[in-house]
Protein backbone atom coordinates (compact mmCIF):
# COMPACT_ATOMS: atom_id res chain seq x y z
CA MET A 1 40.21 -56.58 51.26
CA ASP A 2 37.11 -58.23 52.58
CA LYS A 3 35.73 -61.05 50.35
CA ALA A 4 32.44 -59.33 50.25
CA ASP A 5 33.92 -55.90 48.76
CA LYS A 6 35.84 -58.23 45.84
CA ASN A 7 35.56 -55.96 42.66
CA HIS A 8 34.80 -58.54 39.89
CA TRP A 9 35.31 -56.07 37.20
CA PHE A 10 39.21 -56.97 37.57
CA ASP A 11 38.64 -60.48 36.81
CA ASP A 12 39.37 -61.74 33.36
CA ARG A 13 36.67 -64.11 33.59
CA CYS A 14 34.21 -61.43 34.17
CA ALA A 15 35.56 -59.38 31.27
CA ARG A 16 35.24 -62.43 28.76
CA ALA A 17 31.54 -63.23 30.10
CA PHE A 18 30.56 -59.47 28.91
CA TRP A 19 32.18 -59.96 25.33
CA ASP A 20 29.25 -61.94 24.55
CA GLN A 21 26.62 -59.29 25.20
CA ARG A 22 27.21 -57.73 21.73
CA GLN A 23 24.88 -60.57 20.42
CA ALA A 24 21.81 -59.10 22.43
CA LEU A 25 19.56 -56.82 20.62
CA PRO A 26 19.26 -54.06 23.52
CA TYR A 27 23.05 -53.86 23.31
CA ARG A 28 23.03 -53.49 19.36
CA GLU A 29 20.28 -50.74 20.24
CA LEU A 30 22.70 -49.09 22.72
CA LEU A 31 25.57 -49.23 20.27
CA LYS A 32 23.48 -47.96 17.28
CA ASP A 33 22.43 -44.92 19.38
CA THR A 34 25.92 -44.35 21.03
CA ALA A 35 27.54 -44.40 17.51
CA ALA A 36 24.65 -41.80 16.01
CA TRP A 37 26.11 -39.25 18.53
CA LEU A 38 29.72 -39.72 17.67
CA ASP A 39 31.14 -37.32 15.14
CA PRO A 40 35.00 -38.08 15.43
CA GLY A 41 36.89 -35.79 13.06
CA PRO A 42 40.14 -36.13 10.96
CA GLY A 43 43.18 -35.69 13.16
CA GLU A 44 41.45 -35.72 16.57
CA GLN A 45 42.22 -37.79 19.57
CA TRP A 46 39.46 -39.93 21.33
CA LEU A 47 39.20 -41.81 24.62
CA ASP A 48 37.22 -44.95 24.90
CA LEU A 49 37.01 -45.29 28.64
CA GLY A 50 36.06 -48.80 29.82
CA CYS A 51 36.43 -50.02 26.60
CA GLY A 52 35.68 -53.64 27.14
CA SER A 53 35.89 -55.59 23.78
CA GLY A 54 36.43 -52.35 21.79
CA GLN A 55 32.95 -52.02 20.17
CA LEU A 56 32.92 -48.41 20.62
CA THR A 57 36.52 -48.27 19.58
CA LEU A 58 35.15 -49.78 16.28
CA GLN A 59 32.55 -47.27 15.76
CA LEU A 60 34.99 -44.40 16.14
CA TRP A 61 37.23 -45.92 13.78
CA ASN A 62 34.72 -46.57 11.14
CA ARG A 63 32.93 -43.20 11.64
CA SER A 64 36.31 -41.18 11.40
CA ARG A 65 37.02 -43.36 8.10
CA ALA A 66 40.26 -44.19 9.86
CA ARG A 67 41.40 -40.54 10.03
CA LEU A 68 41.58 -40.27 13.63
CA ALA A 69 45.20 -39.38 14.94
CA ARG A 70 44.72 -41.44 18.00
CA ILE A 71 42.38 -43.65 19.86
CA VAL A 72 43.22 -44.81 23.43
CA ALA A 73 41.20 -47.73 24.60
CA ALA A 74 41.49 -47.93 28.37
CA ASP A 75 40.03 -50.64 30.59
CA CYS A 76 40.97 -52.09 34.14
CA ALA A 77 40.77 -55.77 32.82
CA PRO A 78 44.02 -56.90 31.34
CA ALA A 79 42.04 -59.61 29.22
CA ASN A 80 40.70 -56.77 27.43
CA ALA A 81 44.14 -56.19 25.83
CA GLU A 82 43.60 -59.48 23.83
CA ALA A 83 40.20 -57.99 22.56
CA ILE A 84 41.85 -55.01 21.39
CA GLU A 85 44.59 -56.75 19.47
CA ARG A 86 42.07 -58.93 17.74
CA LEU A 87 40.15 -55.86 16.90
CA ARG A 88 43.27 -54.27 15.38
CA GLY A 89 43.66 -57.10 13.10
CA LYS A 90 39.96 -56.56 11.83
CA LEU A 91 40.36 -52.81 11.12
CA GLU A 92 40.57 -51.66 7.66
CA PRO A 93 42.64 -50.09 7.02
CA ALA A 94 44.88 -51.33 9.64
CA PRO A 95 45.92 -48.76 12.38
CA ARG A 96 49.51 -47.83 12.99
CA HIS A 97 50.75 -49.00 16.27
CA ASP A 98 50.62 -45.48 17.92
CA GLN A 99 47.21 -44.79 16.24
CA LEU A 100 45.33 -47.38 18.53
CA VAL A 101 46.75 -48.00 22.03
CA PHE A 102 45.50 -50.03 24.87
CA ARG A 103 45.81 -48.91 28.78
CA VAL A 104 45.18 -50.61 31.77
CA ALA A 105 43.79 -48.20 33.91
CA ASP A 106 41.55 -47.91 37.09
CA PHE A 107 39.37 -44.67 36.87
CA SER A 108 38.29 -44.90 40.41
CA ALA A 109 41.62 -43.09 41.40
CA GLY A 110 40.92 -40.38 38.47
CA LEU A 111 42.91 -39.92 35.23
CA PRO A 112 46.18 -39.21 36.54
CA GLY A 113 47.92 -40.65 33.40
CA PHE A 114 46.26 -38.02 30.99
CA ASP A 115 47.17 -34.82 30.30
CA ALA A 116 44.74 -31.55 30.54
CA ALA A 117 42.96 -30.84 27.22
CA ALA A 118 44.41 -34.01 25.75
CA PHE A 119 41.38 -35.39 23.82
CA ASP A 120 38.76 -33.92 21.40
CA GLY A 121 36.27 -36.57 22.52
CA ILE A 122 35.59 -39.45 25.15
CA VAL A 123 33.08 -42.13 24.73
CA SER A 124 32.10 -44.66 27.64
CA GLY A 125 29.66 -47.49 27.58
CA LEU A 126 28.05 -48.20 30.89
CA ALA A 127 31.47 -47.64 32.80
CA LEU A 128 31.50 -44.59 34.58
CA SER A 129 29.00 -45.60 37.35
CA TYR A 130 31.66 -47.96 38.54
CA ALA A 131 34.25 -45.50 39.89
CA GLU A 132 34.22 -46.39 43.82
CA SER A 133 35.59 -44.59 46.83
CA ARG A 134 35.05 -44.90 50.48
CA ASP A 135 35.08 -42.11 53.11
CA PRO A 136 38.24 -42.31 55.15
CA ALA A 137 36.60 -41.60 58.44
CA THR A 138 33.69 -44.00 58.20
CA GLY A 139 34.99 -46.67 55.87
CA ARG A 140 31.51 -46.47 53.99
CA TYR A 141 31.37 -46.12 50.30
CA ASP A 142 30.54 -42.87 48.89
CA ASP A 143 30.26 -40.72 45.56
CA SER A 144 33.50 -38.73 46.12
CA ALA A 145 35.33 -40.78 43.27
CA PHE A 146 32.48 -40.53 40.85
CA ASN A 147 32.04 -36.91 41.34
CA ALA A 148 35.99 -36.49 40.81
CA LEU A 149 35.75 -38.55 37.77
CA LEU A 150 33.25 -36.26 36.12
CA GLY A 151 35.65 -33.41 36.80
CA GLU A 152 38.71 -35.24 35.28
CA LEU A 153 36.62 -36.06 32.09
CA PHE A 154 36.23 -32.37 31.93
CA ARG A 155 40.00 -31.78 32.54
CA VAL A 156 41.32 -33.91 29.82
CA LEU A 157 38.88 -32.67 27.10
CA LYS A 158 39.89 -29.77 24.85
CA PRO A 159 37.54 -26.99 24.66
CA GLU A 160 34.64 -27.67 22.70
CA GLY A 161 35.57 -31.33 23.33
CA ARG A 162 32.55 -33.87 23.54
CA LEU A 163 31.46 -36.54 26.10
CA ILE A 164 29.19 -39.33 24.96
CA PHE A 165 28.46 -41.99 27.54
CA SER A 166 25.83 -44.33 28.76
CA ILE A 167 25.09 -45.27 32.20
CA ASN A 168 22.45 -47.61 34.02
CA VAL A 169 19.30 -46.16 35.13
CA PRO A 170 18.38 -46.76 38.99
CA GLU A 171 17.61 -50.49 39.88
CA PRO A 172 18.11 -51.88 36.12
CA ASN A 173 16.38 -54.74 34.96
CA PHE A 174 19.15 -56.92 33.41
CA TRP A 175 16.96 -59.75 32.50
CA ALA A 176 14.82 -57.32 30.63
CA ILE A 177 17.78 -57.18 28.08
CA PHE A 178 18.03 -61.02 27.69
CA TRP A 179 14.02 -61.49 27.47
CA ARG A 180 13.65 -58.75 24.66
CA SER A 181 16.55 -60.47 22.71
CA LEU A 182 14.83 -63.86 22.79
CA ARG A 183 11.37 -62.14 21.74
CA ARG A 184 12.99 -60.78 18.82
CA GLY A 185 14.41 -64.27 17.68
CA LEU A 186 18.24 -63.78 18.52
CA ARG A 187 20.20 -66.02 16.56
CA ILE A 188 22.71 -67.54 18.70
CA ALA A 189 26.21 -68.21 17.81
CA HIS A 190 28.32 -70.41 20.01
CA ALA A 191 25.23 -71.13 21.78
CA GLY A 192 26.67 -73.10 24.84
CA ARG A 193 29.21 -70.38 25.67
CA LEU A 194 26.61 -67.81 25.50
CA LEU A 195 24.19 -69.39 27.85
CA MET A 196 27.06 -69.97 30.53
CA ASN A 197 28.05 -66.34 30.15
CA ILE A 198 24.45 -65.14 30.24
CA CYS A 199 24.21 -66.87 33.72
CA ARG A 200 27.46 -65.14 34.55
CA MET A 201 26.28 -61.76 33.33
CA GLN A 202 23.09 -62.28 35.55
CA ARG A 203 25.01 -63.05 38.58
CA TYR A 204 27.31 -59.97 38.18
CA GLY A 205 23.95 -57.96 37.77
CA ARG A 206 22.73 -59.01 40.98
CA TRP A 207 26.14 -57.93 42.55
CA LEU A 208 26.00 -54.90 40.90
CA LYS A 209 22.55 -53.82 41.76
CA ARG A 210 23.50 -54.72 45.47
CA GLU A 211 26.47 -52.67 45.47
CA ALA A 212 24.67 -49.86 43.98
CA ARG A 213 22.15 -49.83 47.06
CA ARG A 214 25.07 -49.85 49.36
CA GLY A 215 26.62 -46.62 47.77
CA ARG A 216 29.41 -48.25 46.04
CA PHE A 217 28.41 -47.80 42.57
CA HIS A 218 26.04 -45.09 41.03
CA PHE A 219 22.82 -46.07 39.03
CA LEU A 220 21.37 -42.58 39.38
CA PRO A 221 18.25 -40.48 38.34
CA ILE A 222 18.76 -38.62 35.15
CA ASP A 223 18.06 -35.24 36.73
CA ASP A 224 20.83 -36.01 39.35
CA LEU A 225 23.46 -37.06 36.67
CA LEU A 226 22.58 -33.80 34.72
CA GLY A 227 23.20 -31.80 37.68
CA ARG A 228 26.39 -33.28 38.35
CA LEU A 229 27.62 -32.60 34.81
CA LYS A 230 26.70 -28.98 35.09
CA THR A 231 28.51 -28.59 38.22
CA VAL A 232 31.75 -29.51 36.85
CA GLY A 233 31.21 -27.32 33.62
CA PHE A 234 29.54 -29.29 31.09
CA GLU A 235 26.96 -27.69 28.78
CA GLN A 236 24.62 -28.42 25.98
CA LEU A 237 23.51 -31.53 27.60
CA GLU A 238 21.18 -33.95 25.79
CA TRP A 239 19.80 -37.36 26.75
CA ARG A 240 17.61 -40.50 25.88
CA LEU A 241 16.84 -43.85 26.97
CA SER A 242 18.31 -46.96 25.37
CA TYR A 243 19.31 -50.59 26.13
CA ALA A 244 15.83 -51.65 26.63
CA ARG A 245 15.08 -48.62 28.61
CA GLN A 246 17.74 -49.63 31.23
CA ALA A 247 20.32 -46.97 30.25
CA TYR A 248 20.66 -43.39 29.87
CA LEU A 249 22.64 -42.12 26.91
CA ILE A 250 24.05 -38.72 27.61
CA ARG A 251 25.96 -36.19 25.41
CA ALA A 252 27.87 -33.11 26.96
CA CYS A 253 29.95 -30.61 25.73
CA LYS A 254 33.01 -28.60 27.20
CA SER A 255 32.29 -24.95 26.31
CA LEU A 256 35.18 -22.94 24.38
CA ALA A 257 34.83 -20.24 26.86
CA THR A 258 34.69 -22.21 30.13
CA PRO A 259 38.12 -22.43 31.92
CA LEU A 260 39.29 -25.64 33.32
CA PRO A 261 38.01 -26.14 36.91
CA ALA A 262 40.32 -26.68 39.95
CA ARG A 263 41.78 -30.43 39.86
CA GLN A 264 39.56 -32.30 42.20
CA LYS A 265 40.90 -33.27 45.60
CA HIS A 266 42.44 -36.60 46.38
CA VAL A 267 39.91 -39.23 47.29
CA THR A 268 40.32 -42.52 48.96
CA ALA A 269 39.57 -44.95 46.29
CA SER A 270 38.80 -48.63 46.25
CA PRO A 271 40.08 -50.30 43.12
CA GLY A 272 37.31 -50.55 40.71
CA PHE A 273 36.39 -49.79 36.88
CA MET A 274 35.61 -51.46 33.99
CA SER A 275 32.77 -51.58 31.35
CA PRO A 276 30.71 -54.34 30.17
CA VAL A 277 30.87 -52.87 26.83
């Protein structure tokens, strides 16, 4: 792979840099807004896709009162296995080994390791836009992996299953997230490490915006996103702005009466997926 096409989401250093964003007030806003739309029920199975350090996994556990049958936390960066293990030790009551599972996964290639109608709910924080693929004829990045992923999310949900996810707005202003935290008087723990990681996150942010302009990643207008969700069969669509207005938060449902769509055709995918959450 050309050096310019390196995907930093696979790097453990990138994963660890984004662990610190939970201290930013806009991220806390997004986490609160996402949690308010989660409704995990007893005995349900949920997927946290692009789990990062597991902040949404924690919300699922707490809001279900530890009564979920299973949470699968999936991410492409192996370093996040460490974060999920640390989280496991903090959860009360402690989950059984099979009640919280971490999986390394690249969702640019779809979700081939998951059965149809396997999950009651899927949550994803700032991750889905990073499904990447290239046209095999031209070698240019396109949106086929992103479209296929939306279909795969529909496929692995049970009828009446819920999808709650956040995704960056077009041309996001990542500095707005940092400055808003400072204006609100952020109390900084581990200040030296945090400042170093802020610099790294801003560097990665410039890379993300550049690659989105190339069509590699997908920071799309809300009408475009809602249209794609409708195309694969999702209904009851709701959305709002969050994350210092730098992200859409979207909720969708798979209708009880809606049949499973045909499995999406294979796409030529470049490795890439991960969440900064």
